[in-house]
Amino acid sequence: MDVGRAVNRSRFVGLALLAFGLVFLSFVVRGTTRLVASYELAVALSAPILFAAAGLLAVLVVLATLDVTGIRPLE
């Protein structure tokens, strides 16, 4: 996501849904991998997905805070 570009509200909602989808996907990957492999491998495979979701949520929280304070409103 290009932070220099304006983010409209529908794109913001789409990115939030993507972040929650990534969280769900990380649990699915961990659960299904755990059925066929060790716990450590399941965590190793699901962790990058969960970190990507956490990073996206952190960016969205910053954008929402900037919108609420009026520093950078969402279009």
C-alpha atoms as a PDB file:
ATOM      1  CA  MET A   1       0.000   0.000   0.000  1.00  0.00           C
ATOM      2  CA  ASP A   2       1.337   3.379  -0.986  1.00  0.00           C
ATOM      3  CA  VAL A   3       0.975   5.526   2.123  1.00  0.00           C
ATOM      4  CA  GLY A   4       1.504   8.694   0.069  1.00  0.00           C
ATOM      5  CA  ARG A   5      -1.676   7.987  -1.870  1.00  0.00           C
ATOM      6  CA  ALA A   6      -5.072   8.910  -0.473  1.00  0.00           C
ATOM      7  CA  VAL A   7      -7.093   6.031   0.926  1.00  0.00           C
ATOM      8  CA  ASN A   8     -10.836   6.181   0.559  1.00  0.00           C
ATOM      9  CA  ARG A   9     -13.214   4.596   3.025  1.00  0.00           C
ATOM     10  CA  SER A  10     -14.191   1.621   0.860  1.00  0.00           C
ATOM     11  CA  ARG A  11     -10.516   0.747   0.309  1.00  0.00           C
ATOM     12  CA  PHE A  12      -9.937   1.058   4.065  1.00  0.00           C
ATOM     13  CA  VAL A  13     -12.769  -1.391   4.765  1.00  0.00           C
ATOM     14  CA  GLY A  14     -11.427  -3.747   2.116  1.00  0.00           C
ATOM     15  CA  LEU A  15      -7.969  -3.683   3.689  1.00  0.00           C
ATOM     16  CA  ALA A  16      -9.483  -4.326   7.133  1.00  0.00           C
ATOM     17  CA  LEU A  17     -11.360  -7.345   5.767  1.00  0.00           C
ATOM     18  CA  LEU A  18      -8.143  -8.549   4.144  1.00  0.00           C
ATOM     19  CA  ALA A  19      -6.335  -8.278   7.482  1.00  0.00           C
ATOM     20  CA  PHE A  20      -8.985 -10.321   9.281  1.00  0.00           C
ATOM     21  CA  GLY A  21      -8.965 -12.824   6.424  1.00  0.00           C
ATOM     22  CA  LEU A  22      -5.210 -13.205   6.862  1.00  0.00           C
ATOM     23  CA  VAL A  23      -5.683 -13.855  10.582  1.00  0.00           C
ATOM     24  CA  PHE A  24      -8.259 -16.523   9.773  1.00  0.00           C
ATOM     25  CA  LEU A  25      -5.962 -18.016   7.122  1.00  0.00           C
ATOM     26  CA  SER A  26      -3.081 -18.239   9.587  1.00  0.00           C
ATOM     27  CA  PHE A  27      -5.240 -20.287  11.965  1.00  0.00           C
ATOM     28  CA  VAL A  28      -6.382 -22.543   9.127  1.00  0.00           C
ATOM     29  CA  VAL A  29      -2.779 -23.082   8.011  1.00  0.00           C
ATOM     30  CA  ARG A  30      -1.689 -23.803  11.565  1.00  0.00           C
ATOM     31  CA  GLY A  31      -4.539 -26.243  12.175  1.00  0.00           C
ATOM     32  CA  THR A  32      -4.246 -28.169   8.943  1.00  0.00           C
ATOM     33  CA  THR A  33      -0.452 -28.315   9.119  1.00  0.00           C
ATOM     34  CA  ARG A  34      -0.693 -29.565  12.683  1.00  0.00           C
ATOM     35  CA  LEU A  35      -2.677 -32.559  11.414  1.00  0.00           C
ATOM     36  CA  VAL A  36       0.207 -33.770   9.266  1.00  0.00           C
ATOM     37  CA  ALA A  37       3.339 -32.231  10.812  1.00  0.00           C
ATOM     38  CA  SER A  38       4.804 -31.123  14.107  1.00  0.00           C
ATOM     39  CA  TYR A  39       3.581 -28.160  16.114  1.00  0.00           C
ATOM     40  CA  GLU A  40       6.812 -26.248  15.512  1.00  0.00           C
ATOM     41  CA  LEU A  41       6.454 -26.559  11.744  1.00  0.00           C
ATOM     42  CA  ALA A  42       2.809 -25.484  11.914  1.00  0.00           C
ATOM     43  CA  VAL A  43       3.761 -22.365  13.865  1.00  0.00           C
ATOM     44  CA  ALA A  44       6.640 -21.637  11.493  1.00  0.00           C
ATOM     45  CA  LEU A  45       4.321 -21.793   8.481  1.00  0.00           C
ATOM     46  CA  SER A  46       1.516 -19.729   9.979  1.00  0.00           C
ATOM     47  CA  ALA A  47       3.602 -17.042  11.697  1.00  0.00           C
ATOM     48  CA  PRO A  48       4.487 -15.006   8.570  1.00  0.00           C
ATOM     49  CA  ILE A  49       0.811 -14.791   7.612  1.00  0.00           C
ATOM     50  CA  LEU A  50      -0.103 -13.639  11.106  1.00  0.00           C
ATOM     51  CA  PHE A  51       2.709 -11.051  11.124  1.00  0.00           C
ATOM     52  CA  ALA A  52       1.521  -9.686   7.774  1.00  0.00           C
ATOM     53  CA  ALA A  53      -1.982  -9.319   9.202  1.00  0.00           C
ATOM     54  CA  ALA A  54      -0.638  -7.603  12.323  1.00  0.00           C
ATOM     55  CA  GLY A  55       1.399  -5.185  10.210  1.00  0.00           C
ATOM     56  CA  LEU A  56      -1.598  -4.359   8.035  1.00  0.00           C
ATOM     57  CA  LEU A  57      -3.760  -3.805  11.116  1.00  0.00           C
ATOM     58  CA  ALA A  58      -1.091  -1.511  12.590  1.00  0.00           C
ATOM     59  CA  VAL A  59      -1.085   0.592   9.413  1.00  0.00           C
ATOM     60  CA  LEU A  60      -4.881   0.737   9.473  1.00  0.00           C
ATOM     61  CA  VAL A  61      -4.890   1.867  13.108  1.00  0.00           C
ATOM     62  CA  VAL A  62      -2.459   4.670  12.248  1.00  0.00           C
ATOM     63  CA  LEU A  63      -4.590   5.728   9.261  1.00  0.00           C
ATOM     64  CA  ALA A  64      -7.751   5.671  11.381  1.00  0.00           C
ATOM     65  CA  THR A  65      -6.055   7.726  14.104  1.00  0.00           C
ATOM     66  CA  LEU A  66      -4.896  10.279  11.560  1.00  0.00           C
ATOM     67  CA  ASP A  67      -8.448  10.471  10.195  1.00  0.00           C
ATOM     68  CA  VAL A  68     -10.023  10.952  13.624  1.00  0.00           C
ATOM     69  CA  THR A  69      -7.559  13.663  14.583  1.00  0.00           C
ATOM     70  CA  GLY A  70      -8.051  15.407  11.254  1.00  0.00           C
ATOM     71  CA  ILE A  71      -4.391  15.327  10.301  1.00  0.00           C
ATOM     72  CA  ARG A  72      -5.004  13.162   7.224  1.00  0.00           C
ATOM     73  CA  PRO A  73      -8.672  12.547   6.495  1.00  0.00           C
ATOM     74  CA  LEU A  74      -9.810   9.521   4.524  1.00  0.00           C
ATOM     75  CA  GLU A  75     -11.452  10.511   1.265  1.00  0.00           C
END
